[in-house]
């Protein structure tokens, strides 16, 4: 009889623990559906080039995030589902990066989809994720400038158990491009090669509340190694005024016997905020015999990486002027404006003389702040590029986005 009572007590305790763990798993869950309507037009202005690339598409991004089960080690599961639909395109205007190519017909596919699952575990303030990953870091950063975001496959661990210190590390073995349903091996932009492994580790440390330093080591197996150091300093100057200093340095060399590689990238960006105004000035310099290496399709962490160009060619020197304005000061919250100009020179090229290029960007965005259409965003992105060694482009992107919390 005693044994029966003990067994019943054990079963009851186990059931309560399972219910508690399940409740924690569901309690912390989040769901969001994002709709993106994306029109992309790029006109090619140099002689002998195609006329334009122009497409219009509708995207759906479903994000489901669970909480963590109760206990010393909490477990969870995230899901990412994406669907892209062609609204308008042609065989002569495809190639915007919104949709995958239809190799048979010469245009773009009518639709494509992606599904990603991520298992996660957490102990204290240390978290491990394995599966489909979307994140941004100085040595590897997911691209989210088209219809659907780019994702990675691998493992990522972050830890913030020590006050002021964030540690991060990971291994990536595949990459899924914005306009692709398939994971592929990785290559290095402008460098070439192919790799099935990208490893990185490092940390960010807050020396003070205003001053943070960053260090990273990264390796695209068999292609390149990269060392990165950064400093971010936010200095309050007066009420409503602040000076932000962003310094970055990266040194890259070959890994394995792929080819010799030598690049050093220095970047600095100063931004002075005055109420709703922000004035920025940046400088970027490439040194060495090669361009700056990064995973093709991802976003390089460079101060002069802008809408189209990265200004990271061999020996390129570039500077930037930028202005931002928040219209909330004029009674229009949600309306923002940005314009910038980047100029690069001293580029090594095959033709005689040094290569030169410039790019001008303008962004105008508005997010509805209240009412039934709250979080509906409208954005116009315009760019002009001129170069004596690359393409001359005029580009416009019109993006309508709407995020709907599911619970």
Protein backbone atom coordinates (compact mmCIF):
# COMPACT_ATOMS: atom_id res chain seq x y z
CA UNK A 1 0.00 0.00 0.00
CA UNK A 2 2.83 2.35 0.91
CA UNK A 3 4.53 1.64 -2.40
CA UNK A 4 1.30 2.45 -4.26
CA UNK A 5 1.03 5.77 -2.45
CA UNK A 6 4.67 6.54 -3.23
CA UNK A 7 4.17 5.70 -6.90
CA UNK A 8 1.05 7.88 -7.07
CA UNK A 9 2.91 10.75 -5.38
CA UNK A 10 5.82 10.42 -7.80
CA UNK A 11 3.48 10.36 -10.81
CA UNK A 12 1.60 13.40 -9.50
CA UNK A 13 4.84 15.33 -8.91
CA UNK A 14 6.06 14.39 -12.40
CA UNK A 15 2.80 15.55 -13.96
CA UNK A 16 2.98 18.88 -12.10
CA UNK A 17 6.57 19.39 -13.24
CA UNK A 18 5.63 18.63 -16.86
CA UNK A 19 2.69 21.05 -16.68
CA UNK A 20 4.95 23.74 -15.19
CA UNK A 21 7.58 23.20 -17.90
CA UNK A 22 4.93 23.24 -20.62
CA UNK A 23 3.40 26.43 -19.19
CA UNK A 24 6.79 28.18 -19.24
CA UNK A 25 7.37 26.96 -22.81
CA UNK A 26 4.04 28.47 -23.96
CA UNK A 27 4.01 31.55 -21.69
CA UNK A 28 7.12 33.08 -23.23
CA UNK A 29 6.11 32.31 -26.81
CA UNK A 30 5.68 34.99 -29.49
CA UNK A 31 4.25 34.95 -33.00
CA UNK A 32 4.45 37.56 -35.73
CA UNK A 33 3.46 37.73 -39.38
CA UNK A 34 5.22 40.33 -41.53
CA UNK A 35 3.95 41.28 -44.98
CA UNK A 36 6.33 42.95 -47.44
CA UNK A 37 5.32 44.44 -50.77
CA UNK A 38 8.51 45.26 -52.67
CA UNK A 39 8.99 47.15 -55.96
CA UNK A 40 12.56 47.29 -57.29
CA UNK A 41 13.80 49.28 -60.31
CA UNK A 42 17.44 49.59 -61.34
CA UNK A 43 18.34 51.53 -64.52
CA UNK A 44 21.75 50.87 -66.08
CA UNK A 45 23.21 54.09 -67.46
CA UNK A 46 26.50 53.03 -69.06
CA UNK A 47 26.72 52.25 -72.78
CA UNK A 48 26.48 48.62 -73.81
CA UNK A 49 24.62 47.53 -70.68
CA UNK A 50 21.12 46.09 -70.42
CA UNK A 51 18.33 48.61 -70.07
CA UNK A 52 17.02 47.87 -66.59
CA UNK A 53 16.17 45.32 -63.92
CA UNK A 54 12.62 45.73 -62.62
CA UNK A 55 10.36 43.48 -60.53
CA UNK A 56 7.46 43.66 -58.10
CA UNK A 57 6.79 40.97 -55.49
CA UNK A 58 4.87 40.16 -52.31
CA UNK A 59 6.55 38.50 -49.36
CA UNK A 60 5.29 36.84 -46.16
CA UNK A 61 7.54 36.19 -43.16
CA UNK A 62 6.12 34.14 -40.27
CA UNK A 63 8.18 34.10 -37.05
CA UNK A 64 7.23 31.74 -34.20
CA UNK A 65 9.30 31.78 -31.01
CA UNK A 66 8.66 29.57 -28.01
CA UNK A 67 9.54 30.32 -24.43
CA UNK A 68 11.88 28.07 -22.44
CA UNK A 69 10.88 25.08 -20.37
CA UNK A 70 11.36 25.46 -16.62
CA UNK A 71 14.45 24.06 -14.91
CA UNK A 72 18.17 24.67 -14.72
CA UNK A 73 18.41 24.12 -18.46
CA UNK A 74 15.52 25.54 -20.44
CA UNK A 75 14.68 24.22 -23.90
CA UNK A 76 12.74 25.82 -26.73
CA UNK A 77 11.99 25.76 -30.43
CA UNK A 78 11.65 28.56 -33.03
CA UNK A 79 10.23 28.40 -36.55
CA UNK A 80 10.68 30.71 -39.52
CA UNK A 81 8.43 30.35 -42.55
CA UNK A 82 8.74 32.53 -45.67
CA UNK A 83 6.88 32.82 -48.96
CA UNK A 84 7.62 35.05 -51.96
CA UNK A 85 5.15 35.66 -54.81
CA UNK A 86 5.87 37.31 -58.15
CA UNK A 87 3.51 40.17 -59.01
CA UNK A 88 5.29 41.55 -62.08
CA UNK A 89 8.49 40.61 -63.92
CA UNK A 90 9.75 39.72 -67.37
CA UNK A 91 12.62 37.84 -68.97
CA UNK A 92 14.27 41.15 -69.88
CA UNK A 93 13.82 42.79 -66.49
CA UNK A 94 14.57 39.93 -64.04
CA UNK A 95 17.62 39.76 -61.81
CA UNK A 96 16.73 42.20 -59.04
CA UNK A 97 17.39 39.72 -56.25
CA UNK A 98 13.73 39.70 -55.19
CA UNK A 99 12.93 36.36 -56.86
CA UNK A 100 14.91 33.25 -57.87
CA UNK A 101 15.80 32.90 -61.54
CA UNK A 102 13.73 30.67 -63.78
CA UNK A 103 16.57 29.17 -65.83
CA UNK A 104 14.25 27.51 -68.32
CA UNK A 105 12.15 30.56 -69.22
CA UNK A 106 14.88 33.14 -68.70
CA UNK A 107 12.90 35.21 -66.19
CA UNK A 108 12.00 34.71 -62.52
CA UNK A 109 10.05 31.99 -60.76
CA UNK A 110 6.42 32.70 -59.87
CA UNK A 111 6.91 31.78 -56.21
CA UNK A 112 9.36 30.33 -53.72
CA UNK A 113 9.29 29.40 -50.05
CA UNK A 114 11.58 28.66 -47.12
CA UNK A 115 11.14 26.88 -43.80
CA UNK A 116 13.62 27.00 -40.95
CA UNK A 117 13.58 25.38 -37.51
CA UNK A 118 15.86 26.34 -34.62
CA UNK A 119 16.33 24.35 -31.43
CA UNK A 120 17.51 26.37 -28.45
CA UNK A 121 18.69 25.86 -24.88
CA UNK A 122 19.40 28.34 -22.11
CA UNK A 123 21.31 28.25 -18.83
CA UNK A 124 21.28 31.51 -16.93
CA UNK A 125 22.19 34.21 -19.45
CA UNK A 126 23.89 31.76 -21.85
CA UNK A 127 21.93 30.67 -24.90
CA UNK A 128 22.64 28.06 -27.58
CA UNK A 129 20.79 27.97 -30.90
CA UNK A 130 21.15 25.22 -33.52
CA UNK A 131 19.47 25.16 -36.93
CA UNK A 132 18.30 28.10 -39.03
CA UNK A 133 19.91 31.36 -37.86
CA UNK A 134 19.36 35.04 -38.59
CA UNK A 135 21.70 37.44 -36.81
CA UNK A 136 24.07 40.38 -37.29
CA UNK A 137 27.69 40.47 -36.12
CA UNK A 138 30.84 42.39 -37.19
CA UNK A 139 32.30 39.33 -38.97
CA UNK A 140 29.13 37.76 -40.37
CA UNK A 141 25.77 39.45 -40.87
CA UNK A 142 22.50 38.29 -42.47
CA UNK A 143 21.34 40.37 -45.41
CA UNK A 144 17.77 41.69 -45.18
CA UNK A 145 17.61 44.18 -48.06
CA UNK A 146 15.35 42.24 -50.44
CA UNK A 147 11.94 40.58 -50.33
CA UNK A 148 12.93 37.83 -47.86
CA UNK A 149 15.88 37.74 -45.44
CA UNK A 150 19.01 35.67 -45.87
CA UNK A 151 19.60 32.90 -43.31
CA UNK A 152 22.45 30.67 -42.15
CA UNK A 153 22.55 27.05 -40.98
CA UNK A 154 24.66 26.17 -37.99
CA UNK A 155 25.08 26.78 -34.28
CA UNK A 156 25.35 30.03 -32.30
CA UNK A 157 26.13 30.56 -28.62
CA UNK A 158 25.89 33.86 -26.74
CA UNK A 159 26.61 34.53 -23.08
CA UNK A 160 25.99 37.59 -20.91
CA UNK A 161 26.50 36.03 -17.47
CA UNK A 162 29.26 38.52 -16.66
CA UNK A 163 28.05 42.09 -16.23
CA UNK A 164 29.15 44.31 -19.12
CA UNK A 165 30.58 41.40 -21.14
CA UNK A 166 28.90 39.68 -24.07
CA UNK A 167 30.61 36.58 -25.48
CA UNK A 168 29.62 35.12 -28.85
CA UNK A 169 30.76 32.25 -31.04
CA UNK A 170 29.42 30.02 -33.74
CA UNK A 171 29.85 27.64 -36.64
CA UNK A 172 28.03 28.06 -39.97
CA UNK A 173 28.09 25.35 -42.64
CA UNK A 174 25.54 26.61 -45.17
CA UNK A 175 23.98 29.87 -46.36
CA UNK A 176 20.54 30.46 -47.90
CA UNK A 177 20.43 33.54 -50.13
CA UNK A 178 17.57 36.07 -50.05
CA UNK A 179 16.05 34.77 -53.29
CA UNK A 180 16.71 31.06 -52.81
CA UNK A 181 14.93 28.11 -51.21
CA UNK A 182 18.11 26.05 -50.90
CA UNK A 183 21.14 26.09 -48.63
CA UNK A 184 24.46 26.31 -50.49
CA UNK A 185 28.19 26.34 -49.72
CA UNK A 186 29.82 29.70 -48.98
CA UNK A 187 32.16 31.78 -51.14
CA UNK A 188 34.08 35.01 -50.48
CA UNK A 189 32.96 38.18 -52.25
CA UNK A 190 35.40 39.19 -55.06
CA UNK A 191 37.85 36.55 -53.74
CA UNK A 192 36.18 33.32 -54.79
CA UNK A 193 36.86 29.90 -53.31
CA UNK A 194 34.25 27.67 -51.72
CA UNK A 195 33.83 26.53 -48.14
CA UNK A 196 31.55 24.41 -45.98
CA UNK A 197 32.61 25.98 -42.70
CA UNK A 198 32.70 29.44 -41.14
CA UNK A 199 33.82 29.72 -37.50
CA UNK A 200 33.96 32.83 -35.35
CA UNK A 201 34.34 33.86 -31.71
CA UNK A 202 34.82 37.01 -29.68
CA UNK A 203 33.15 39.45 -27.35
CA UNK A 204 31.95 42.96 -26.59
CA UNK A 205 32.92 44.64 -23.32
CA UNK A 206 31.40 47.81 -21.90
CA UNK A 207 34.29 49.69 -20.31
CA UNK A 208 31.82 52.37 -19.21
CA UNK A 209 28.16 53.07 -19.92
CA UNK A 210 29.23 55.09 -22.98
CA UNK A 211 32.31 53.14 -24.19
CA UNK A 212 32.24 49.61 -25.65
CA UNK A 213 35.06 47.62 -27.26
CA UNK A 214 34.71 44.60 -29.55
CA UNK A 215 37.09 41.83 -30.63
CA UNK A 216 36.45 38.98 -33.09
CA UNK A 217 38.29 36.19 -34.85
CA UNK A 218 36.70 34.54 -37.90
CA UNK A 219 37.69 31.92 -40.45
CA UNK A 220 36.06 30.87 -43.70
CA UNK A 221 37.67 27.46 -43.82
CA UNK A 222 40.22 27.14 -46.62
CA UNK A 223 39.63 30.70 -47.88
CA UNK A 224 40.41 33.48 -45.37
CA UNK A 225 41.03 34.38 -41.73
CA UNK A 226 39.96 37.71 -40.27
CA UNK A 227 40.75 39.63 -37.08
CA UNK A 228 38.43 42.46 -36.10
CA UNK A 229 38.58 45.17 -33.44
CA UNK A 230 36.08 47.95 -32.81
CA UNK A 231 35.31 50.79 -30.44
CA UNK A 232 31.96 52.52 -29.96
CA UNK A 233 31.80 55.69 -27.85
CA UNK A 234 28.60 57.62 -27.17
CA UNK A 235 29.50 60.92 -25.53
CA UNK A 236 26.74 63.20 -24.20
CA UNK A 237 27.72 66.80 -25.02
CA UNK A 238 24.74 68.77 -23.70
CA UNK A 239 21.00 68.21 -23.23
CA UNK A 240 19.70 66.95 -26.56
CA UNK A 241 23.22 66.70 -28.03
CA UNK A 242 25.62 63.76 -28.35
CA UNK A 243 28.69 62.68 -30.29
CA UNK A 244 28.96 59.06 -31.41
CA UNK A 245 32.35 57.68 -32.47
CA UNK A 246 32.46 54.35 -34.32
CA UNK A 247 35.95 52.97 -35.06
CA UNK A 248 36.55 49.66 -36.90
CA UNK A 249 39.66 47.79 -38.03
CA UNK A 250 39.94 44.39 -39.70
CA UNK A 251 42.97 42.46 -40.89
CA UNK A 252 42.44 39.55 -43.30
CA UNK A 253 44.77 36.92 -44.72
CA UNK A 254 44.50 33.57 -46.47
CA UNK A 255 43.53 30.31 -44.82
CA UNK A 256 44.94 27.11 -46.30
CA UNK A 257 46.30 26.93 -49.83
CA UNK A 258 43.44 28.64 -51.68
CA UNK A 259 45.48 31.74 -52.64
CA UNK A 260 47.55 34.49 -51.05
CA UNK A 261 45.35 37.15 -49.50
CA UNK A 262 46.19 40.45 -47.85
CA UNK A 263 43.71 43.15 -46.79
CA UNK A 264 43.52 45.69 -43.99
CA UNK A 265 40.34 47.74 -43.60
CA UNK A 266 40.15 50.87 -41.45
CA UNK A 267 36.87 52.68 -40.88
CA UNK A 268 35.70 55.61 -38.75
CA UNK A 269 32.29 57.25 -38.47
CA UNK A 270 31.49 60.33 -36.37
CA UNK A 271 27.86 61.29 -35.81
CA UNK A 272 26.75 64.46 -34.03
CA UNK A 273 23.13 64.45 -32.84
CA UNK A 274 21.37 67.74 -32.22
CA UNK A 275 17.75 67.26 -31.28
CA UNK A 276 16.02 65.68 -34.30
CA UNK A 277 19.06 66.30 -36.53
CA UNK A 278 22.07 63.98 -36.98
CA UNK A 279 25.18 64.95 -38.94
CA UNK A 280 27.65 62.19 -39.87
CA UNK A 281 31.11 62.01 -41.46
CA UNK A 282 32.94 58.79 -42.28
CA UNK A 283 36.27 57.64 -43.67
CA UNK A 284 37.24 54.17 -44.92
CA UNK A 285 40.57 52.93 -46.26
CA UNK A 286 41.57 49.63 -47.82
CA UNK A 287 45.23 48.55 -47.73
CA UNK A 288 46.96 45.46 -49.11
CA UNK A 289 46.88 43.54 -52.36
CA UNK A 290 43.25 42.35 -52.15
CA UNK A 291 39.71 43.68 -51.62
CA UNK A 292 37.96 43.23 -48.27
CA UNK A 293 36.79 39.58 -47.97
CA UNK A 294 33.36 38.63 -46.66
CA UNK A 295 30.81 35.90 -47.34
CA UNK A 296 29.08 36.53 -50.68
CA UNK A 297 25.52 37.74 -50.25
CA UNK A 298 25.96 38.80 -46.62
CA UNK A 299 26.40 42.35 -45.31
CA UNK A 300 30.00 43.47 -44.69
CA UNK A 301 30.52 45.43 -41.48
CA UNK A 302 32.02 48.53 -43.09
CA UNK A 303 31.19 52.18 -42.36
CA UNK A 304 30.90 52.89 -46.10
CA UNK A 305 28.80 49.86 -47.00
CA UNK A 306 25.65 51.60 -48.26
CA UNK A 307 22.63 50.80 -50.44
CA UNK A 308 24.55 49.43 -53.44
CA UNK A 309 28.32 49.75 -52.97
CA UNK A 310 30.73 48.66 -50.25
CA UNK A 311 33.73 50.81 -51.33
CA UNK A 312 36.01 47.90 -50.43
CA UNK A 313 38.07 47.49 -53.63
CA UNK A 314 41.84 47.10 -53.67
CA UNK A 315 43.53 50.19 -52.17
CA UNK A 316 40.26 52.18 -52.19
CA UNK A 317 40.00 55.31 -50.03
CA UNK A 318 36.49 56.63 -49.42
CA UNK A 319 34.68 59.23 -47.34
CA UNK A 320 31.03 59.80 -46.45
CA UNK A 321 28.77 62.68 -45.47
CA UNK A 322 25.36 61.87 -44.00
CA UNK A 323 22.32 63.73 -42.66
CA UNK A 324 19.29 62.32 -40.78
CA UNK A 325 16.13 64.07 -39.62
CA UNK A 326 13.27 62.84 -37.41
CA UNK A 327 10.05 64.71 -38.19
CA UNK A 328 8.58 64.02 -34.73
CA UNK A 329 10.01 67.43 -33.76
CA UNK A 330 7.56 68.94 -36.26
CA UNK A 331 4.60 66.97 -34.94
CA UNK A 332 4.94 64.09 -37.43
CA UNK A 333 6.12 61.05 -35.41
CA UNK A 334 7.04 58.05 -37.54
CA UNK A 335 8.31 60.12 -40.49
CA UNK A 336 12.10 59.97 -41.03
CA UNK A 337 14.53 61.20 -43.68
CA UNK A 338 18.14 60.24 -44.50
CA UNK A 339 20.55 61.31 -47.22
CA UNK A 340 24.24 60.53 -47.70
CA UNK A 341 27.01 60.84 -50.23
CA UNK A 342 30.01 58.50 -50.47
CA UNK A 343 33.01 59.06 -52.74
CA UNK A 344 35.85 56.61 -53.35
CA UNK A 345 39.13 56.86 -55.27
CA UNK A 346 42.63 55.34 -55.55
CA UNK A 347 41.08 52.05 -56.73
CA UNK A 348 43.43 49.64 -58.46
CA UNK A 349 41.96 48.70 -61.85
CA UNK A 350 43.04 46.99 -65.07
CA UNK A 351 42.76 50.16 -67.21
CA UNK A 352 45.30 53.00 -66.87
CA UNK A 353 44.67 55.51 -64.10
CA UNK A 354 43.02 55.15 -60.71
CA UNK A 355 39.47 53.99 -60.29
CA UNK A 356 36.88 56.40 -58.93
CA UNK A 357 33.25 55.98 -57.87
CA UNK A 358 30.54 57.76 -55.92
CA UNK A 359 27.10 56.92 -54.58
CA UNK A 360 24.25 59.07 -53.33
CA UNK A 361 21.39 57.62 -51.23
CA UNK A 362 18.07 59.04 -50.05
CA UNK A 363 15.64 57.27 -47.72
CA UNK A 364 12.18 58.56 -46.81
CA UNK A 365 10.12 56.42 -44.46
CA UNK A 366 6.89 56.58 -42.52
CA UNK A 367 5.46 54.17 -39.92
CA UNK A 368 1.86 54.68 -38.80
CA UNK A 369 1.92 55.12 -35.02
CA UNK A 370 -1.66 54.33 -33.97
CA UNK A 371 -5.08 53.19 -35.14
CA UNK A 372 -6.10 50.05 -37.06
CA UNK A 373 -3.08 50.36 -39.39
CA UNK A 374 -0.53 50.80 -36.60
CA UNK A 375 2.96 49.51 -37.65
CA UNK A 376 2.19 49.85 -41.37
CA UNK A 377 5.47 51.10 -42.87
CA UNK A 378 6.10 52.91 -46.14
CA UNK A 379 9.64 53.46 -47.43
CA UNK A 380 11.19 54.92 -50.57
CA UNK A 381 14.89 54.23 -51.15
CA UNK A 382 16.72 56.01 -53.97
CA UNK A 383 20.33 55.58 -55.09
CA UNK A 384 22.60 56.94 -57.82
CA UNK A 385 25.98 55.35 -58.59
CA UNK A 386 28.65 56.54 -60.99
CA UNK A 387 32.00 54.83 -61.61
CA UNK A 388 34.84 54.72 -64.14
CA UNK A 389 35.42 51.00 -63.55
CA UNK A 390 31.97 49.60 -62.72
CA UNK A 391 28.29 50.10 -63.47
CA UNK A 392 26.48 53.44 -63.60
CA UNK A 393 23.13 52.94 -61.88
CA UNK A 394 19.97 54.75 -60.89
CA UNK A 395 17.85 52.76 -58.45
CA UNK A 396 14.50 53.06 -56.69
CA UNK A 397 12.96 50.73 -54.13
CA UNK A 398 9.41 51.13 -52.82
CA UNK A 399 8.60 48.98 -49.78
CA UNK A 400 5.31 48.59 -47.93
CA UNK A 401 5.56 46.47 -44.78
CA UNK A 402 3.06 45.49 -42.12
CA UNK A 403 3.73 43.45 -38.98
CA UNK A 404 0.87 41.65 -37.27
CA UNK A 405 1.37 40.15 -33.78
CA UNK A 406 -0.40 36.81 -33.67
CA UNK A 407 -0.80 36.72 -29.89
